[in-house]
Amino acid sequence: MPAHTAVWPPVPLRPRRSALFMPGSNPRVIEKAPTLPADCIILDLEDAVAPEQKAQARDRVAAAIRGGGFGYREMVMRLNGPDTPWFEADLAAAAAARPDAVLVPKVSDPELPGLIGRKLAALGAPPTVRLWAMIESPAAVLKAEAIAATARDPASRLSLLMLGTNDLAKETGARIVPGRAPMLPWIAHCVLAARAAGIGIIDAVWNDFRDIEGFAAECAQAADMGFAGKSCIHPGQLAPCNAAFTPPAAEVEEARAVIAVFERPENAGRGVVQMEGRMVERMHADIARQVVALSDAIAAQQED
């Protein structure tokens, strides 16, 4: 199968090709969310909101999520950090509003997901409220495997890591350049950590939203590396982002053909079969099923 196809997480899956950050302090922006082709909408209470607007933004975001109407979109609240004076109120508001997930910034302690998961349970949040953790510090990258591994404990609610390269650049002095060569070892390490734990991972933002060509190139790189999708900061980034993480029609057709070959009665139990002059392993059939499942899930969203 072509190397660029994102085939994780295992079936059943939810497309997370594009995750659009939207400021929780701007009601007009929030009103547009149900019309945008983003797989995930992240209503932000952290970086995009000034301190004096935190409480008002929290109430506005919670009310919007409770009101619903976002269709297939996965609704996420990005909270202020656990070391801020706003975190506890943010968490309580999220527990009551019941988004699909809360995104917690600057997670660098493997104990934190379990602690937050238990707090959500104590606040009455149902198990459907999941936890996303931002990996955006040197300590977080070094501990990414341990942080991701907490997902094996259902109490942690951890289901996804999100990379934050802006903060990584700030704390390390590494430059953010096209191709991201200075950071590639760190990025690959985080992808492996997430996949080893069986959870999803979304790539970092591209800062220049006017540079669509550069953004599309980084989306392609992220798909090659195994990310499920990429963070977006502008609606204009959504189309190229979705395209990069959507299996091409020809690839889906080939995947269906691989599945069909292994489903023939004469191939039952075989680990390797011949297909159009090449040898195909059962592993390729497993990958093909992921490709088809992702394609079908995307098609179902488009019908919503």
Protein backbone atom coordinates (compact mmCIF):
# COMPACT_ATOMS: atom_id res chain seq x y z
CA MET A 1 0.00 0.00 0.00
CA PRO A 2 1.24 3.62 -0.59
CA ALA A 3 3.21 4.97 2.34
CA HIS A 4 1.21 8.15 2.79
CA THR A 5 -2.06 6.53 3.89
CA ALA A 6 -3.09 7.14 7.49
CA VAL A 7 -4.55 3.82 8.63
CA TRP A 8 -4.86 4.27 12.37
CA PRO A 9 -6.54 4.17 14.87
CA PRO A 10 -7.99 0.66 14.50
CA VAL A 11 -11.59 0.14 13.42
CA PRO A 12 -13.99 1.54 14.50
CA LEU A 13 -12.57 4.97 13.88
CA ARG A 14 -13.62 8.58 13.70
CA PRO A 15 -12.00 10.77 11.04
CA ARG A 16 -9.80 13.44 12.60
CA ARG A 17 -8.19 14.80 9.46
CA SER A 18 -8.65 18.44 10.44
CA ALA A 19 -8.85 19.95 13.92
CA LEU A 20 -9.74 23.64 13.75
CA PHE A 21 -8.93 25.91 16.68
CA MET A 22 -11.55 28.62 17.23
CA PRO A 23 -11.40 31.34 19.92
CA GLY A 24 -14.00 30.79 22.62
CA SER A 25 -14.30 34.53 23.16
CA ASN A 26 -15.74 35.22 19.69
CA PRO A 27 -19.46 34.35 19.38
CA ARG A 28 -19.58 34.99 15.62
CA VAL A 29 -16.78 32.52 15.03
CA ILE A 30 -18.50 29.86 17.13
CA GLU A 31 -21.72 30.37 15.18
CA LYS A 32 -19.84 29.50 11.96
CA ALA A 33 -18.51 26.21 13.33
CA PRO A 34 -21.47 24.03 12.20
CA THR A 35 -20.95 25.19 8.61
CA LEU A 36 -17.25 24.38 8.33
CA PRO A 37 -15.88 21.09 6.93
CA ALA A 38 -13.68 20.36 9.95
CA ASP A 39 -13.66 16.88 11.47
CA CYS A 40 -12.89 18.38 14.88
CA ILE A 41 -13.74 21.81 16.28
CA ILE A 42 -11.58 22.94 19.21
CA LEU A 43 -13.17 25.82 21.10
CA ASP A 44 -10.21 27.48 22.76
CA LEU A 45 -10.20 28.92 26.27
CA GLU A 46 -6.40 29.17 26.51
CA ASP A 47 -4.13 31.05 24.10
CA ALA A 48 -6.89 32.76 22.12
CA VAL A 49 -8.60 34.30 25.16
CA ALA A 50 -7.35 37.24 27.22
CA PRO A 51 -7.34 36.80 31.03
CA GLU A 52 -10.18 39.26 31.56
CA GLN A 53 -12.35 37.31 29.09
CA LYS A 54 -11.73 33.81 30.44
CA ALA A 55 -14.92 33.46 32.49
CA GLN A 56 -17.19 34.85 29.79
CA ALA A 57 -15.58 32.67 27.12
CA ARG A 58 -15.95 29.61 29.33
CA ASP A 59 -19.68 30.22 29.72
CA ARG A 60 -20.10 30.89 26.01
CA VAL A 61 -18.26 27.74 24.95
CA ALA A 62 -20.10 25.55 27.45
CA ALA A 63 -23.46 26.91 26.29
CA ALA A 64 -22.57 26.32 22.64
CA ILE A 65 -21.60 22.71 23.28
CA ARG A 66 -24.70 22.06 25.35
CA GLY A 67 -26.79 23.55 22.55
CA GLY A 68 -25.41 21.06 20.01
CA GLY A 69 -26.13 21.32 16.32
CA PHE A 70 -22.55 20.61 15.22
CA GLY A 71 -23.40 17.49 13.25
CA TYR A 72 -20.61 14.96 12.74
CA ARG A 73 -17.94 17.30 14.10
CA GLU A 74 -16.04 16.17 17.17
CA MET A 75 -16.39 18.99 19.70
CA VAL A 76 -13.42 19.68 21.95
CA MET A 77 -12.84 22.27 24.67
CA ARG A 78 -9.24 23.39 25.09
CA LEU A 79 -8.88 24.26 28.75
CA ASN A 80 -6.39 26.51 30.43
CA GLY A 81 -3.41 24.67 31.88
CA PRO A 82 -3.60 22.76 35.17
CA ASP A 83 -1.17 25.26 36.72
CA THR A 84 -3.44 28.26 35.98
CA PRO A 85 -6.17 29.78 38.18
CA TRP A 86 -8.80 28.97 35.54
CA PHE A 87 -8.28 25.23 35.19
CA GLU A 88 -10.65 23.92 37.85
CA ALA A 89 -13.54 26.09 36.67
CA ASP A 90 -12.81 25.11 33.07
CA LEU A 91 -12.88 21.43 33.99
CA ALA A 92 -16.14 21.77 35.91
CA ALA A 93 -17.74 23.61 32.99
CA ALA A 94 -16.58 20.90 30.59
CA ALA A 95 -17.95 18.14 32.81
CA ALA A 96 -21.34 19.82 32.75
CA ALA A 97 -21.30 20.70 29.04
CA ARG A 98 -20.16 17.21 27.98
CA PRO A 99 -18.01 17.85 24.90
CA ASP A 100 -16.53 14.90 23.05
CA ALA A 101 -13.17 15.71 24.64
CA VAL A 102 -11.22 18.20 26.69
CA LEU A 103 -7.82 19.25 25.37
CA VAL A 104 -5.35 19.93 28.18
CA PRO A 105 -2.26 21.98 27.30
CA LYS A 106 1.30 21.39 28.41
CA VAL A 107 0.92 17.82 29.66
CA SER A 108 4.39 16.67 30.69
CA ASP A 109 3.64 14.56 33.79
CA PRO A 110 2.43 10.97 33.20
CA GLU A 111 0.40 11.23 36.40
CA LEU A 112 -1.72 14.05 34.99
CA PRO A 113 -4.09 12.13 32.66
CA GLY A 114 -5.19 9.82 35.44
CA LEU A 115 -5.67 12.74 37.81
CA ILE A 116 -7.76 14.67 35.31
CA GLY A 117 -9.76 11.59 34.39
CA ARG A 118 -10.64 10.98 38.02
CA LYS A 119 -11.63 14.62 38.47
CA LEU A 120 -13.93 14.44 35.46
CA ALA A 121 -15.57 11.33 36.90
CA ALA A 122 -16.02 13.04 40.27
CA LEU A 123 -17.62 16.00 38.50
CA GLY A 124 -20.15 13.68 36.87
CA ALA A 125 -18.78 13.73 33.33
CA PRO A 126 -19.85 10.58 31.44
CA PRO A 127 -17.18 8.25 30.02
CA THR A 128 -17.87 9.70 26.57
CA VAL A 129 -15.97 12.85 27.58
CA ARG A 130 -12.45 11.93 26.55
CA LEU A 131 -9.08 13.52 27.27
CA TRP A 132 -6.68 14.88 24.66
CA ALA A 133 -3.18 15.81 25.83
CA MET A 134 -0.97 18.44 24.22
CA ILE A 135 2.68 17.46 23.90
CA GLU A 136 4.52 20.76 23.62
CA SER A 137 7.56 20.78 25.89
CA PRO A 138 10.91 18.96 25.95
CA ALA A 139 9.81 17.09 29.08
CA ALA A 140 6.58 16.03 27.39
CA VAL A 141 8.42 14.67 24.35
CA LEU A 142 10.85 12.75 26.54
CA LYS A 143 7.94 11.29 28.52
CA ALA A 144 5.56 10.83 25.57
CA GLU A 145 5.64 7.05 25.85
CA ALA A 146 4.72 7.10 29.53
CA ILE A 147 2.02 9.74 28.97
CA ALA A 148 0.46 7.79 26.10
CA ALA A 149 0.62 4.55 28.06
CA THR A 150 -1.81 5.97 30.64
CA ALA A 151 -4.52 5.39 28.01
CA ARG A 152 -4.40 1.72 28.98
CA ASP A 153 -6.12 2.74 32.22
CA PRO A 154 -9.74 3.59 31.28
CA ALA A 155 -9.91 6.00 34.22
CA SER A 156 -7.50 8.35 32.43
CA ARG A 157 -9.90 8.81 29.49
CA LEU A 158 -6.85 9.58 27.33
CA SER A 159 -7.60 8.97 23.65
CA LEU A 160 -5.29 11.29 21.72
CA LEU A 161 -2.04 13.23 21.75
CA MET A 162 -1.75 16.58 19.98
CA LEU A 163 1.63 17.98 19.04
CA GLY A 164 2.53 21.61 19.74
CA THR A 165 5.69 22.66 17.93
CA ASN A 166 5.48 26.40 18.63
CA ASP A 167 6.08 25.88 22.33
CA LEU A 168 8.72 23.27 21.54
CA ALA A 169 10.54 25.82 19.42
CA LYS A 170 10.28 28.39 22.19
CA GLU A 171 11.69 26.06 24.84
CA THR A 172 14.42 24.42 22.77
CA GLY A 173 15.58 27.12 20.38
CA ALA A 174 14.96 24.79 17.45
CA ARG A 175 13.83 26.57 14.31
CA ILE A 176 10.52 25.82 12.62
CA VAL A 177 11.58 25.41 9.00
CA PRO A 178 10.00 23.77 5.93
CA GLY A 179 10.41 20.04 6.31
CA ARG A 180 10.93 20.41 10.09
CA ALA A 181 14.31 18.67 10.03
CA PRO A 182 15.38 19.97 13.47
CA MET A 183 12.27 18.44 15.06
CA LEU A 184 11.72 15.26 13.06
CA PRO A 185 13.22 12.91 15.69
CA TRP A 186 10.96 14.39 18.37
CA ILE A 187 7.90 14.25 16.10
CA ALA A 188 8.53 10.62 15.13
CA HIS A 189 9.01 9.69 18.79
CA CYS A 190 5.59 11.11 19.66
CA VAL A 191 3.91 9.25 16.79
CA LEU A 192 5.45 5.98 17.96
CA ALA A 193 4.41 6.67 21.55
CA ALA A 194 0.78 7.25 20.56
CA ARG A 195 0.57 4.26 18.23
CA ALA A 196 2.23 1.95 20.75
CA ALA A 197 -0.50 2.88 23.21
CA GLY A 198 -3.24 2.45 20.60
CA ILE A 199 -4.38 6.08 20.62
CA GLY A 200 -4.60 8.80 18.00
CA ILE A 201 -2.23 11.67 17.34
CA ILE A 202 -2.78 14.99 15.56
CA ASP A 203 0.00 17.14 14.16
CA ALA A 204 0.79 20.73 15.13
CA VAL A 205 -0.39 23.96 13.50
CA TRP A 206 1.13 25.68 10.46
CA ASN A 207 1.48 29.32 11.44
CA ASP A 208 1.23 31.12 8.08
CA PHE A 209 -2.37 30.44 7.09
CA ARG A 210 -1.85 32.36 3.83
CA ASP A 211 0.80 29.87 2.68
CA ILE A 212 -1.49 27.08 1.55
CA GLU A 213 1.20 25.39 -0.54
CA GLY A 214 3.54 25.12 2.45
CA PHE A 215 0.70 23.94 4.64
CA ALA A 216 -0.32 21.25 2.15
CA ALA A 217 3.27 20.00 2.00
CA GLU A 218 3.42 19.70 5.78
CA CYS A 219 0.05 17.90 5.80
CA ALA A 220 1.47 15.37 3.34
CA GLN A 221 4.52 14.91 5.56
CA ALA A 222 2.29 14.39 8.61
CA ALA A 223 0.22 11.77 6.78
CA ASP A 224 3.41 10.00 5.71
CA MET A 225 4.57 9.91 9.34
CA GLY A 226 1.37 8.33 10.65
CA PHE A 227 -0.60 11.26 12.06
CA ALA A 228 -4.38 10.99 11.87
CA GLY A 229 -4.74 14.66 10.98
CA LYS A 230 -3.42 18.16 11.52
CA SER A 231 -4.31 21.19 13.61
CA CYS A 232 -5.70 24.18 11.70
CA ILE A 233 -5.96 27.85 12.63
CA HIS A 234 -7.99 29.13 9.67
CA PRO A 235 -10.94 27.75 7.69
CA GLY A 236 -8.90 28.17 4.50
CA GLN A 237 -6.66 25.35 5.68
CA LEU A 238 -9.47 22.80 5.97
CA ALA A 239 -9.77 21.67 2.33
CA PRO A 240 -6.06 20.87 1.79
CA CYS A 241 -5.89 19.28 5.22
CA ASN A 242 -8.85 17.00 4.60
CA ALA A 243 -7.50 16.10 1.18
CA ALA A 244 -4.11 15.08 2.55
CA PHE A 245 -5.61 12.63 5.04
CA THR A 246 -8.31 11.22 2.75
CA PRO A 247 -7.36 8.00 0.91
CA PRO A 248 -7.48 8.56 -2.87
CA ALA A 249 -10.24 6.74 -4.74
CA ALA A 250 -7.74 4.51 -6.57
CA GLU A 251 -6.17 3.49 -3.29
CA VAL A 252 -9.55 2.60 -1.79
CA GLU A 253 -10.39 0.55 -4.89
CA GLU A 254 -7.11 -1.35 -4.55
CA ALA A 255 -7.76 -1.90 -0.85
CA ARG A 256 -11.16 -3.41 -1.59
CA ALA A 257 -9.55 -5.70 -4.14
CA VAL A 258 -6.97 -6.90 -1.58
CA ILE A 259 -9.75 -7.63 0.92
CA ALA A 260 -11.74 -9.51 -1.70
CA VAL A 261 -8.77 -11.73 -2.57
CA PHE A 262 -8.35 -12.85 1.03
CA GLU A 263 -12.08 -13.43 1.43
CA ARG A 264 -12.14 -16.05 -1.34
CA PRO A 265 -12.83 -19.53 0.09
CA GLU A 266 -9.68 -20.95 -1.49
CA ASN A 267 -7.56 -18.37 0.38
CA ALA A 268 -9.02 -19.02 3.82
CA GLY A 269 -6.21 -19.47 6.29
CA ARG A 270 -3.51 -18.40 3.85
CA GLY A 271 -0.99 -15.84 5.03
CA VAL A 272 0.20 -14.91 1.54
CA VAL A 273 -1.62 -14.91 -1.79
CA GLN A 274 -0.79 -13.91 -5.34
CA MET A 275 -2.58 -10.89 -6.74
CA GLU A 276 -1.97 -9.47 -10.21
CA GLY A 277 1.57 -10.80 -10.36
CA ARG A 278 2.66 -9.83 -6.86
CA MET A 279 2.61 -11.44 -3.46
CA VAL A 280 0.25 -9.90 -0.90
CA GLU A 281 0.39 -10.77 2.79
CA ARG A 282 -2.56 -10.96 5.16
CA MET A 283 -1.03 -7.93 6.90
CA HIS A 284 -1.82 -5.96 3.74
CA ALA A 285 -5.44 -7.05 4.02
CA ASP A 286 -5.53 -5.69 7.57
CA ILE A 287 -4.12 -2.37 6.34
CA ALA A 288 -6.63 -2.40 3.46
CA ARG A 289 -9.51 -2.75 5.92
CA GLN A 290 -8.29 0.35 7.75
CA VAL A 291 -8.14 2.29 4.48
CA VAL A 292 -11.67 1.23 3.56
CA ALA A 293 -12.98 1.95 7.05
CA LEU A 294 -11.52 5.45 6.96
CA SER A 295 -12.94 6.08 3.49
CA ASP A 296 -16.39 4.83 4.53
CA ALA A 297 -16.35 6.95 7.70
CA ILE A 298 -15.47 10.07 5.70
CA ALA A 299 -18.24 9.29 3.19
CA ALA A 300 -20.74 8.88 6.05
CA GLN A 301 -19.76 12.32 7.38
CA GLN A 302 -20.32 13.91 3.99
CA GLU A 303 -23.84 12.48 3.95
CA ASP A 304 -24.58 13.93 7.42
